[in-house]
Amino acid sequence: MSDQIPLDPHDRVRDPAPRDHTREVAEDLAYRRLGIVNVAFHGRAGAGDRDWVLVDAGVSGTMGMITEAAAERFGPDARPAAIVLTHGHFDHVGALEDLVALWDVPVYAHALEMPYLDGSASYPLPDPGVGGLMARLSPLYPRSPVNVARHLQRLPEDGSVPGMPGWRWIHTPGHCPGHVSLWREEDRTIIAGDAFVTTNQESAYAVAVQKPEMHGPPQYLTTDWQASAASVETLARLEPEVAVTGHGPAMRGAEMRGALHTLARDFAQVAVPEGGRYVGDPAQAEDGSAYRSD
């Protein structure tokens, strides 16, 4: 699919002194791009041991880059208080098992993501027919679950986020059943995971250059388009000032908000692929039960 909703490159969140590609969004929030995906670090620079949180865990082979970035921001050997997952797709949990073993840290996720994090279920098949090189490669992407059952915990039912005071989690299914986004009302900052992204993740070129555009969730792994549309509407109503997404540069400001509203309004036309495995037919879990929780 061609560009969805172009974003002005000047609306990127810019850190005047990035630490080796780690970009600071607020005094207590930074993110780092690891190949095709971003991870986020919550906590002030120099916070120290057990006083920060990692959001998502990158692709396989990036543990060293994550620990290096953590050491640079929080101090040598500083371990997180928790790892919080927006969801369990391969590009968000690739280094998770190694990081858990290294840090002995609890992992928090939505209850509906538990089967994909405790070794008991694999995600539905990807959808290479949606178009784009990254989609054509999707049958090669890891689909088997990771297993961090001994450290795995459900996100609190009250909506709070462990280790992140002032934040709450919002269930934003569609891309996968237990996808969550993280929201802080005080400064209207959102960590959106893959509920929406800010580059065309189907295009290898856009991924390489991080061309900014407001884009629906990566199409090749999205399995319930109706739920995804509702999730984007939910996030647009929050009127975020800053958005950190799983793919693409962090963005801020009125034009970003306007693009998000346009995405929500025109989702069926601009985000849903013309053809594909799950268009009009949401995936089922491996046990045959409904993949989406109403």
C-alpha atoms as a PDB file:
ATOM      1  CA  MET A   1       0.000   0.000   0.000  1.00  0.00           C
ATOM      2  CA  SER A   2       1.223   3.518  -0.759  1.00  0.00           C
ATOM      3  CA  ASP A   3       1.619   6.214   1.871  1.00  0.00           C
ATOM      4  CA  GLN A   4      -1.299   6.326   4.265  1.00  0.00           C
ATOM      5  CA  ILE A   5      -1.211   9.713   6.032  1.00  0.00           C
ATOM      6  CA  PRO A   6       2.082  11.614   5.611  1.00  0.00           C
ATOM      7  CA  LEU A   7       3.564  13.281   8.687  1.00  0.00           C
ATOM      8  CA  ASP A   8       5.783  16.351   8.730  1.00  0.00           C
ATOM      9  CA  PRO A   9       9.337  15.248   9.591  1.00  0.00           C
ATOM     10  CA  HIS A  10       9.637  18.398  11.696  1.00  0.00           C
ATOM     11  CA  ASP A  11       7.086  16.921  14.115  1.00  0.00           C
ATOM     12  CA  ARG A  12       9.494  14.173  15.163  1.00  0.00           C
ATOM     13  CA  VAL A  13      10.412  14.253  18.829  1.00  0.00           C
ATOM     14  CA  ARG A  14      14.027  15.386  18.767  1.00  0.00           C
ATOM     15  CA  ASP A  15      16.568  14.847  21.512  1.00  0.00           C
ATOM     16  CA  PRO A  16      19.294  17.541  21.293  1.00  0.00           C
ATOM     17  CA  ALA A  17      21.885  15.139  22.727  1.00  0.00           C
ATOM     18  CA  PRO A  18      20.882  11.538  21.916  1.00  0.00           C
ATOM     19  CA  ARG A  19      22.915   8.858  23.609  1.00  0.00           C
ATOM     20  CA  ASP A  20      24.036   6.478  20.879  1.00  0.00           C
ATOM     21  CA  HIS A  21      20.663   6.548  19.116  1.00  0.00           C
ATOM     22  CA  THR A  22      18.629   6.492  22.346  1.00  0.00           C
ATOM     23  CA  ARG A  23      16.158   9.356  21.985  1.00  0.00           C
ATOM     24  CA  GLU A  24      14.720  11.135  25.008  1.00  0.00           C
ATOM     25  CA  VAL A  25      11.017  12.005  24.761  1.00  0.00           C
ATOM     26  CA  ALA A  26      10.613  13.365  28.304  1.00  0.00           C
ATOM     27  CA  GLU A  27      12.861  13.534  31.355  1.00  0.00           C
ATOM     28  CA  ASP A  28      11.683  10.072  32.328  1.00  0.00           C
ATOM     29  CA  LEU A  29      10.994   8.503  28.911  1.00  0.00           C
ATOM     30  CA  ALA A  30      13.324   7.510  26.085  1.00  0.00           C
ATOM     31  CA  TYR A  31      13.247   5.035  23.245  1.00  0.00           C
ATOM     32  CA  ARG A  32      15.739   3.272  21.037  1.00  0.00           C
ATOM     33  CA  ARG A  33      15.335   1.826  17.585  1.00  0.00           C
ATOM     34  CA  LEU A  34      16.610  -1.739  17.252  1.00  0.00           C
ATOM     35  CA  GLY A  35      16.514  -2.605  13.565  1.00  0.00           C
ATOM     36  CA  ILE A  36      12.821  -2.818  12.683  1.00  0.00           C
ATOM     37  CA  VAL A  37      11.343  -2.020  16.096  1.00  0.00           C
ATOM     38  CA  ASN A  38      11.551   0.358  19.059  1.00  0.00           C
ATOM     39  CA  VAL A  39      11.901  -0.349  22.767  1.00  0.00           C
ATOM     40  CA  ALA A  40      11.154   2.262  25.441  1.00  0.00           C
ATOM     41  CA  PHE A  41      12.872   3.078  28.722  1.00  0.00           C
ATOM     42  CA  HIS A  42      10.841   4.656  31.529  1.00  0.00           C
ATOM     43  CA  GLY A  43      12.862   6.333  34.267  1.00  0.00           C
ATOM     44  CA  ARG A  44      15.070   9.365  34.669  1.00  0.00           C
ATOM     45  CA  ALA A  45      18.667   9.190  33.551  1.00  0.00           C
ATOM     46  CA  GLY A  46      20.800   7.834  36.389  1.00  0.00           C
ATOM     47  CA  ALA A  47      17.791   6.274  38.115  1.00  0.00           C
ATOM     48  CA  GLY A  48      19.821   3.266  39.226  1.00  0.00           C
ATOM     49  CA  ASP A  49      19.022  -0.328  40.033  1.00  0.00           C
ATOM     50  CA  ARG A  50      15.334  -1.385  39.986  1.00  0.00           C
ATOM     51  CA  ASP A  51      14.130   2.199  39.478  1.00  0.00           C
ATOM     52  CA  TRP A  52      13.224   2.016  35.790  1.00  0.00           C
ATOM     53  CA  VAL A  53      11.044  -0.025  33.425  1.00  0.00           C
ATOM     54  CA  LEU A  54      11.682  -1.519  29.996  1.00  0.00           C
ATOM     55  CA  VAL A  55       8.728  -1.481  27.596  1.00  0.00           C
ATOM     56  CA  ASP A  56       8.976  -4.314  25.056  1.00  0.00           C
ATOM     57  CA  ALA A  57      12.073  -6.377  24.315  1.00  0.00           C
ATOM     58  CA  GLY A  58      13.049  -6.027  20.666  1.00  0.00           C
ATOM     59  CA  VAL A  59      13.987  -8.660  18.121  1.00  0.00           C
ATOM     60  CA  SER A  60      16.180 -11.667  18.705  1.00  0.00           C
ATOM     61  CA  GLY A  61      19.852 -10.813  19.015  1.00  0.00           C
ATOM     62  CA  THR A  62      19.376  -7.330  20.460  1.00  0.00           C
ATOM     63  CA  MET A  63      19.889  -8.111  24.150  1.00  0.00           C
ATOM     64  CA  GLY A  64      23.345  -6.543  24.070  1.00  0.00           C
ATOM     65  CA  MET A  65      22.044  -3.312  22.558  1.00  0.00           C
ATOM     66  CA  ILE A  66      19.246  -3.132  25.124  1.00  0.00           C
ATOM     67  CA  THR A  67      21.531  -3.710  28.088  1.00  0.00           C
ATOM     68  CA  GLU A  68      24.085  -1.258  26.696  1.00  0.00           C
ATOM     69  CA  ALA A  69      21.431   1.437  26.290  1.00  0.00           C
ATOM     70  CA  ALA A  70      20.124   0.710  29.795  1.00  0.00           C
ATOM     71  CA  ALA A  71      23.612   0.984  31.287  1.00  0.00           C
ATOM     72  CA  GLU A  72      24.230   4.288  29.500  1.00  0.00           C
ATOM     73  CA  ARG A  73      20.952   5.772  30.735  1.00  0.00           C
ATOM     74  CA  PHE A  74      20.594   4.299  34.226  1.00  0.00           C
ATOM     75  CA  GLY A  75      24.086   3.236  35.244  1.00  0.00           C
ATOM     76  CA  PRO A  76      26.220   0.085  35.042  1.00  0.00           C
ATOM     77  CA  ASP A  77      24.402  -3.084  36.107  1.00  0.00           C
ATOM     78  CA  ALA A  78      21.144  -1.171  36.690  1.00  0.00           C
ATOM     79  CA  ARG A  79      18.307  -3.675  36.404  1.00  0.00           C
ATOM     80  CA  PRO A  80      14.686  -2.715  35.708  1.00  0.00           C
ATOM     81  CA  ALA A  81      11.882  -3.033  38.212  1.00  0.00           C
ATOM     82  CA  ALA A  82       9.764  -4.656  35.485  1.00  0.00           C
ATOM     83  CA  ILE A  83       9.434  -5.399  31.794  1.00  0.00           C
ATOM     84  CA  VAL A  84       6.055  -4.309  30.457  1.00  0.00           C
ATOM     85  CA  LEU A  85       4.915  -5.720  27.116  1.00  0.00           C
ATOM     86  CA  THR A  86       2.539  -4.042  24.714  1.00  0.00           C
ATOM     87  CA  HIS A  87       2.155  -7.502  23.142  1.00  0.00           C
ATOM     88  CA  GLY A  88       4.072 -10.679  22.395  1.00  0.00           C
ATOM     89  CA  HIS A  89       4.892 -10.634  18.676  1.00  0.00           C
ATOM     90  CA  PHE A  90       8.390 -11.782  17.754  1.00  0.00           C
ATOM     91  CA  ASP A  91       9.750  -8.258  17.252  1.00  0.00           C
ATOM     92  CA  HIS A  92       8.649  -7.187  20.730  1.00  0.00           C
ATOM     93  CA  VAL A  93       9.856 -10.220  22.721  1.00  0.00           C
ATOM     94  CA  GLY A  94      12.943 -11.348  20.806  1.00  0.00           C
ATOM     95  CA  ALA A  95      15.373 -10.713  23.673  1.00  0.00           C
ATOM     96  CA  LEU A  96      12.845 -11.291  26.453  1.00  0.00           C
ATOM     97  CA  GLU A  97      13.937 -14.727  27.674  1.00  0.00           C
ATOM     98  CA  ASP A  98      17.594 -13.670  27.791  1.00  0.00           C
ATOM     99  CA  LEU A  99      16.802 -10.404  29.581  1.00  0.00           C
ATOM    100  CA  VAL A 100      14.633 -12.161  32.163  1.00  0.00           C
ATOM    101  CA  ALA A 101      17.405 -14.651  32.838  1.00  0.00           C
ATOM    102  CA  LEU A 102      19.948 -11.844  33.212  1.00  0.00           C
ATOM    103  CA  TRP A 103      17.865  -9.466  35.316  1.00  0.00           C
ATOM    104  CA  ASP A 104      15.512 -11.822  37.226  1.00  0.00           C
ATOM    105  CA  VAL A 105      12.685  -9.385  36.575  1.00  0.00           C
ATOM    106  CA  PRO A 106       8.875  -9.682  36.462  1.00  0.00           C
ATOM    107  CA  VAL A 107       7.190  -9.449  33.064  1.00  0.00           C
ATOM    108  CA  TYR A 108       3.735  -7.843  32.828  1.00  0.00           C
ATOM    109  CA  ALA A 109       1.263  -8.324  29.988  1.00  0.00           C
ATOM    110  CA  HIS A 110      -2.462  -8.451  29.335  1.00  0.00           C
ATOM    111  CA  ALA A 111      -4.194 -11.695  30.288  1.00  0.00           C
ATOM    112  CA  LEU A 112      -5.053 -12.438  26.645  1.00  0.00           C
ATOM    113  CA  GLU A 113      -1.362 -12.431  25.710  1.00  0.00           C
ATOM    114  CA  MET A 114      -0.414 -15.018  28.340  1.00  0.00           C
ATOM    115  CA  PRO A 115      -0.605 -18.071  26.010  1.00  0.00           C
ATOM    116  CA  TYR A 116       1.989 -16.479  23.712  1.00  0.00           C
ATOM    117  CA  LEU A 117       4.333 -15.745  26.610  1.00  0.00           C
ATOM    118  CA  ASP A 118       4.108 -18.951  28.653  1.00  0.00           C
ATOM    119  CA  GLY A 119       4.928 -21.347  25.823  1.00  0.00           C
ATOM    120  CA  SER A 120       1.412 -22.720  25.392  1.00  0.00           C
ATOM    121  CA  ALA A 121       0.228 -21.236  22.058  1.00  0.00           C
ATOM    122  CA  SER A 122       1.516 -19.766  18.809  1.00  0.00           C
ATOM    123  CA  TYR A 123       0.045 -16.758  17.051  1.00  0.00           C
ATOM    124  CA  PRO A 124      -2.087 -17.301  13.938  1.00  0.00           C
ATOM    125  CA  LEU A 125      -0.319 -17.426  10.594  1.00  0.00           C
ATOM    126  CA  PRO A 126       0.898 -14.091   9.198  1.00  0.00           C
ATOM    127  CA  ASP A 127      -0.665 -12.583   6.093  1.00  0.00           C
ATOM    128  CA  PRO A 128       1.925 -12.165   3.306  1.00  0.00           C
ATOM    129  CA  GLY A 129      -0.755 -11.202   0.786  1.00  0.00           C
ATOM    130  CA  VAL A 130      -1.270  -7.671   2.084  1.00  0.00           C
ATOM    131  CA  GLY A 131       1.583  -6.302  -0.047  1.00  0.00           C
ATOM    132  CA  GLY A 132       5.091  -5.010   0.511  1.00  0.00           C
ATOM    133  CA  LEU A 133       8.441  -6.728   0.953  1.00  0.00           C
ATOM    134  CA  MET A 134       8.187  -6.957   4.738  1.00  0.00           C
ATOM    135  CA  ALA A 135       4.837  -8.693   4.331  1.00  0.00           C
ATOM    136  CA  ARG A 136       6.174 -11.118   1.719  1.00  0.00           C
ATOM    137  CA  LEU A 137       8.893 -12.088   4.196  1.00  0.00           C
ATOM    138  CA  SER A 138       6.417 -12.564   7.043  1.00  0.00           C
ATOM    139  CA  PRO A 139       6.119 -16.376   6.723  1.00  0.00           C
ATOM    140  CA  LEU A 140       9.768 -16.466   7.809  1.00  0.00           C
ATOM    141  CA  TYR A 141       9.188 -14.474  10.994  1.00  0.00           C
ATOM    142  CA  PRO A 142       9.207 -16.440  14.279  1.00  0.00           C
ATOM    143  CA  ARG A 143       5.720 -17.452  15.368  1.00  0.00           C
ATOM    144  CA  SER A 144       6.392 -19.854  18.228  1.00  0.00           C
ATOM    145  CA  PRO A 145       5.741 -18.514  21.723  1.00  0.00           C
ATOM    146  CA  VAL A 146       8.423 -17.520  24.177  1.00  0.00           C
ATOM    147  CA  ASN A 147       8.249 -18.994  27.660  1.00  0.00           C
ATOM    148  CA  VAL A 148       8.768 -16.687  30.620  1.00  0.00           C
ATOM    149  CA  ALA A 149       6.006 -18.309  32.672  1.00  0.00           C
ATOM    150  CA  ARG A 150       7.988 -18.226  35.921  1.00  0.00           C
ATOM    151  CA  HIS A 151       8.253 -14.434  35.747  1.00  0.00           C
ATOM    152  CA  LEU A 152       4.980 -13.659  33.980  1.00  0.00           C
ATOM    153  CA  GLN A 153       2.265 -11.595  35.674  1.00  0.00           C
ATOM    154  CA  ARG A 154      -0.970 -10.016  34.535  1.00  0.00           C
ATOM    155  CA  LEU A 155      -1.206  -6.266  34.331  1.00  0.00           C
ATOM    156  CA  PRO A 156      -3.203  -4.990  37.318  1.00  0.00           C
ATOM    157  CA  GLU A 157      -6.950  -4.896  36.828  1.00  0.00           C
ATOM    158  CA  ASP A 158      -7.082  -1.308  38.106  1.00  0.00           C
ATOM    159  CA  GLY A 159      -5.279  -0.118  34.965  1.00  0.00           C
ATOM    160  CA  SER A 160      -2.064   0.917  36.710  1.00  0.00           C
ATOM    161  CA  VAL A 161       1.323   0.050  35.237  1.00  0.00           C
ATOM    162  CA  PRO A 162       3.860  -1.493  37.642  1.00  0.00           C
ATOM    163  CA  GLY A 163       6.904   0.716  38.104  1.00  0.00           C
ATOM    164  CA  MET A 164       5.361   3.581  36.098  1.00  0.00           C
ATOM    165  CA  PRO A 165       3.424   5.906  38.464  1.00  0.00           C
ATOM    166  CA  GLY A 166       0.954   8.141  36.660  1.00  0.00           C
ATOM    167  CA  TRP A 167       0.567   5.769  33.712  1.00  0.00           C
ATOM    168  CA  ARG A 168      -2.328   3.463  32.912  1.00  0.00           C
ATOM    169  CA  TRP A 169      -2.685   0.679  30.412  1.00  0.00           C
ATOM    170  CA  ILE A 170      -5.482   0.609  27.842  1.00  0.00           C
ATOM    171  CA  HIS A 171      -6.599  -2.582  26.111  1.00  0.00           C
ATOM    172  CA  THR A 172      -6.179  -1.928  22.372  1.00  0.00           C
ATOM    173  CA  PRO A 173      -6.807  -5.271  20.622  1.00  0.00           C
ATOM    174  CA  GLY A 174      -6.873  -5.965  16.906  1.00  0.00           C
ATOM    175  CA  HIS A 175      -3.223  -6.308  16.024  1.00  0.00           C
ATOM    176  CA  CYS A 176      -3.348  -9.191  18.521  1.00  0.00           C
ATOM    177  CA  PRO A 177      -5.844 -10.069  21.256  1.00  0.00           C
ATOM    178  CA  GLY A 178      -4.010  -8.760  24.322  1.00  0.00           C
ATOM    179  CA  HIS A 179      -2.381  -5.682  22.843  1.00  0.00           C
ATOM    180  CA  VAL A 180      -2.159  -2.735  25.243  1.00  0.00           C
ATOM    181  CA  SER A 181      -1.094   0.879  24.931  1.00  0.00           C
ATOM    182  CA  LEU A 182       0.274   2.957  27.820  1.00  0.00           C
ATOM    183  CA  TRP A 183      -1.069   6.442  28.570  1.00  0.00           C
ATOM    184  CA  ARG A 184      -0.014   9.281  30.859  1.00  0.00           C
ATOM    185  CA  GLU A 185      -2.646  11.969  31.216  1.00  0.00           C
ATOM    186  CA  GLU A 186      -0.325  14.532  32.853  1.00  0.00           C
ATOM    187  CA  ASP A 187       1.616  15.269  29.668  1.00  0.00           C
ATOM    188  CA  ARG A 188      -0.661  13.406  27.230  1.00  0.00           C
ATOM    189  CA  THR A 189       2.013  10.938  26.238  1.00  0.00           C
ATOM    190  CA  ILE A 190       1.181   7.575  24.705  1.00  0.00           C
ATOM    191  CA  ILE A 191       3.276   4.477  24.154  1.00  0.00           C
ATOM    192  CA  ALA A 192       1.103   2.941  21.452  1.00  0.00           C
ATOM    193  CA  GLY A 193       2.937  -0.271  20.664  1.00  0.00           C
ATOM    194  CA  ASP A 194       1.585  -1.417  17.290  1.00  0.00           C
ATOM    195  CA  ALA A 195      -1.987  -0.151  17.717  1.00  0.00           C
ATOM    196  CA  PHE A 196      -0.840   2.473  15.219  1.00  0.00           C
ATOM    197  CA  VAL A 197       2.669   3.175  13.955  1.00  0.00           C
ATOM    198  CA  THR A 198       4.489   6.137  12.416  1.00  0.00           C
ATOM    199  CA  THR A 199       6.073   4.532   9.377  1.00  0.00           C
ATOM    200  CA  ASN A 200       4.948   2.149   6.645  1.00  0.00           C
ATOM    201  CA  GLN A 201       6.055  -1.126   8.195  1.00  0.00           C
ATOM    202  CA  GLU A 202       5.162  -3.109   5.067  1.00  0.00           C
ATOM    203  CA  SER A 203       7.768  -1.203   3.028  1.00  0.00           C
ATOM    204  CA  ALA A 204      11.415  -2.162   3.434  1.00  0.00           C
ATOM    205  CA  TYR A 205      12.415   1.298   2.159  1.00  0.00           C
ATOM    206  CA  ALA A 206      10.223   3.146   4.649  1.00  0.00           C
ATOM    207  CA  VAL A 207      11.534   0.931   7.456  1.00  0.00           C
ATOM    208  CA  ALA A 208      15.125   1.639   6.428  1.00  0.00           C
ATOM    209  CA  VAL A 209      14.780   5.429   6.253  1.00  0.00           C
ATOM    210  CA  GLN A 210      12.042   5.755   8.913  1.00  0.00           C
ATOM    211  CA  LYS A 211       9.879   7.836   6.612  1.00  0.00           C
ATOM    212  CA  PRO A 212       7.254   9.351   8.922  1.00  0.00           C
ATOM    213  CA  GLU A 213       3.584   8.699   8.236  1.00  0.00           C
ATOM    214  CA  MET A 214       0.557   7.895  10.346  1.00  0.00           C
ATOM    215  CA  HIS A 215      -0.111   4.252   9.634  1.00  0.00           C
ATOM    216  CA  GLY A 216      -2.367   1.526  10.906  1.00  0.00           C
ATOM    217  CA  PRO A 217      -0.868  -1.527  12.619  1.00  0.00           C
ATOM    218  CA  PRO A 218       1.543  -3.687  10.612  1.00  0.00           C
ATOM    219  CA  GLN A 219      -0.839  -5.399   8.233  1.00  0.00           C
ATOM    220  CA  TYR A 220       0.920  -8.741   7.907  1.00  0.00           C
ATOM    221  CA  LEU A 221       0.408  -9.587  11.601  1.00  0.00           C
ATOM    222  CA  THR A 222      -2.939  -7.900  12.247  1.00  0.00           C
ATOM    223  CA  THR A 223      -5.692 -10.464  12.690  1.00  0.00           C
ATOM    224  CA  ASP A 224      -8.837  -8.500  13.609  1.00  0.00           C
ATOM    225  CA  TRP A 225      -9.391  -5.333  11.625  1.00  0.00           C
ATOM    226  CA  GLN A 226     -12.688  -4.385  13.269  1.00  0.00           C
ATOM    227  CA  ALA A 227     -11.105  -4.457  16.708  1.00  0.00           C
ATOM    228  CA  SER A 228      -8.065  -2.589  15.415  1.00  0.00           C
ATOM    229  CA  ALA A 229     -10.236   0.218  14.057  1.00  0.00           C
ATOM    230  CA  ALA A 230     -11.976   0.563  17.418  1.00  0.00           C
ATOM    231  CA  SER A 231      -8.616   0.697  19.197  1.00  0.00           C
ATOM    232  CA  VAL A 232      -7.361   3.528  16.986  1.00  0.00           C
ATOM    233  CA  GLU A 233     -10.581   5.435  17.671  1.00  0.00           C
ATOM    234  CA  THR A 234     -10.018   4.961  21.405  1.00  0.00           C
ATOM    235  CA  LEU A 235      -6.485   6.347  21.219  1.00  0.00           C
ATOM    236  CA  ALA A 236      -7.432   9.261  18.966  1.00  0.00           C
ATOM    237  CA  ARG A 237     -10.017  10.382  21.520  1.00  0.00           C
ATOM    238  CA  LEU A 238      -7.223  10.809  24.057  1.00  0.00           C
ATOM    239  CA  GLU A 239      -5.774  13.698  21.988  1.00  0.00           C
ATOM    240  CA  PRO A 240      -2.127  12.738  22.640  1.00  0.00           C
ATOM    241  CA  GLU A 241       0.594  15.360  22.520  1.00  0.00           C
ATOM    242  CA  VAL A 242       3.420  12.828  22.105  1.00  0.00           C
ATOM    243  CA  ALA A 243       3.276   9.356  20.575  1.00  0.00           C
ATOM    244  CA  VAL A 244       5.959   6.688  20.871  1.00  0.00           C
ATOM    245  CA  THR A 245       5.111   3.732  18.667  1.00  0.00           C
ATOM    246  CA  GLY A 246       6.574   0.298  18.083  1.00  0.00           C
ATOM    247  CA  HIS A 247       7.722   1.245  14.592  1.00  0.00           C
ATOM    248  CA  GLY A 248       8.765   4.646  13.300  1.00  0.00           C
ATOM    249  CA  PRO A 249       9.925   7.871  14.952  1.00  0.00           C
ATOM    250  CA  ALA A 250       8.257   9.390  17.985  1.00  0.00           C
ATOM    251  CA  MET A 251       5.995  12.254  16.926  1.00  0.00           C
ATOM    252  CA  ARG A 252       4.356  15.202  18.654  1.00  0.00           C
ATOM    253  CA  GLY A 253       1.972  18.085  18.153  1.00  0.00           C
ATOM    254  CA  ALA A 254      -1.235  19.134  16.458  1.00  0.00           C
ATOM    255  CA  GLU A 255      -0.413  17.692  13.038  1.00  0.00           C
ATOM    256  CA  MET A 256       0.279  14.300  14.575  1.00  0.00           C
ATOM    257  CA  ARG A 257      -3.071  14.440  16.382  1.00  0.00           C
ATOM    258  CA  GLY A 258      -4.831  15.475  13.194  1.00  0.00           C
ATOM    259  CA  ALA A 259      -3.266  12.576  11.309  1.00  0.00           C
ATOM    260  CA  LEU A 260      -4.340  10.188  14.056  1.00  0.00           C
ATOM    261  CA  HIS A 261      -7.925  11.456  13.823  1.00  0.00           C
ATOM    262  CA  THR A 262      -7.823  11.028  10.053  1.00  0.00           C
ATOM    263  CA  LEU A 263      -6.574   7.480  10.490  1.00  0.00           C
ATOM    264  CA  ALA A 264      -9.414   6.739  12.915  1.00  0.00           C
ATOM    265  CA  ARG A 265     -12.047   8.323  10.666  1.00  0.00           C
ATOM    266  CA  ASP A 266     -10.864   6.707   7.423  1.00  0.00           C
ATOM    267  CA  PHE A 267      -9.464   3.489   8.864  1.00  0.00           C
ATOM    268  CA  ALA A 268     -11.348   1.140   6.529  1.00  0.00           C
ATOM    269  CA  GLN A 269     -10.090   3.024   3.477  1.00  0.00           C
ATOM    270  CA  VAL A 270      -6.488   3.783   4.427  1.00  0.00           C
ATOM    271  CA  ALA A 271      -5.423   1.056   6.858  1.00  0.00           C
ATOM    272  CA  VAL A 272      -7.263  -2.151   5.984  1.00  0.00           C
ATOM    273  CA  PRO A 273      -5.671  -4.060   3.077  1.00  0.00           C
ATOM    274  CA  GLU A 274      -7.803  -4.634  -0.008  1.00  0.00           C
ATOM    275  CA  GLY A 275      -7.310  -8.357   0.325  1.00  0.00           C
ATOM    276  CA  GLY A 276      -5.877 -10.600   2.964  1.00  0.00           C
ATOM    277  CA  ARG A 277      -6.331 -13.606   5.139  1.00  0.00           C
ATOM    278  CA  TYR A 278      -8.108 -11.823   7.995  1.00  0.00           C
ATOM    279  CA  VAL A 279     -10.063  -9.059   6.248  1.00  0.00           C
ATOM    280  CA  GLY A 280     -13.657  -9.740   7.219  1.00  0.00           C
ATOM    281  CA  ASP A 281     -12.666 -12.980   8.953  1.00  0.00           C
ATOM    282  CA  PRO A 282     -10.833 -12.416  12.260  1.00  0.00           C
ATOM    283  CA  ALA A 283      -8.398 -15.088  13.346  1.00  0.00           C
ATOM    284  CA  GLN A 284      -9.236 -17.816  15.791  1.00  0.00           C
ATOM    285  CA  ALA A 285      -6.945 -18.910  18.583  1.00  0.00           C
ATOM    286  CA  GLU A 286      -5.248 -22.266  18.247  1.00  0.00           C
ATOM    287  CA  ASP A 287      -7.860 -23.878  20.523  1.00  0.00           C
ATOM    288  CA  GLY A 288     -10.648 -22.674  18.236  1.00  0.00           C
ATOM    289  CA  SER A 289     -12.011 -20.052  20.619  1.00  0.00           C
ATOM    290  CA  ALA A 290     -12.613 -16.475  19.581  1.00  0.00           C
ATOM    291  CA  TYR A 291      -9.352 -14.618  19.107  1.00  0.00           C
ATOM    292  CA  ARG A 292     -10.910 -11.316  20.088  1.00  0.00           C
ATOM    293  CA  SER A 293     -12.376 -10.536  23.503  1.00  0.00           C
ATOM    294  CA  ASP A 294     -15.477  -8.342  23.304  1.00  0.00           C
END
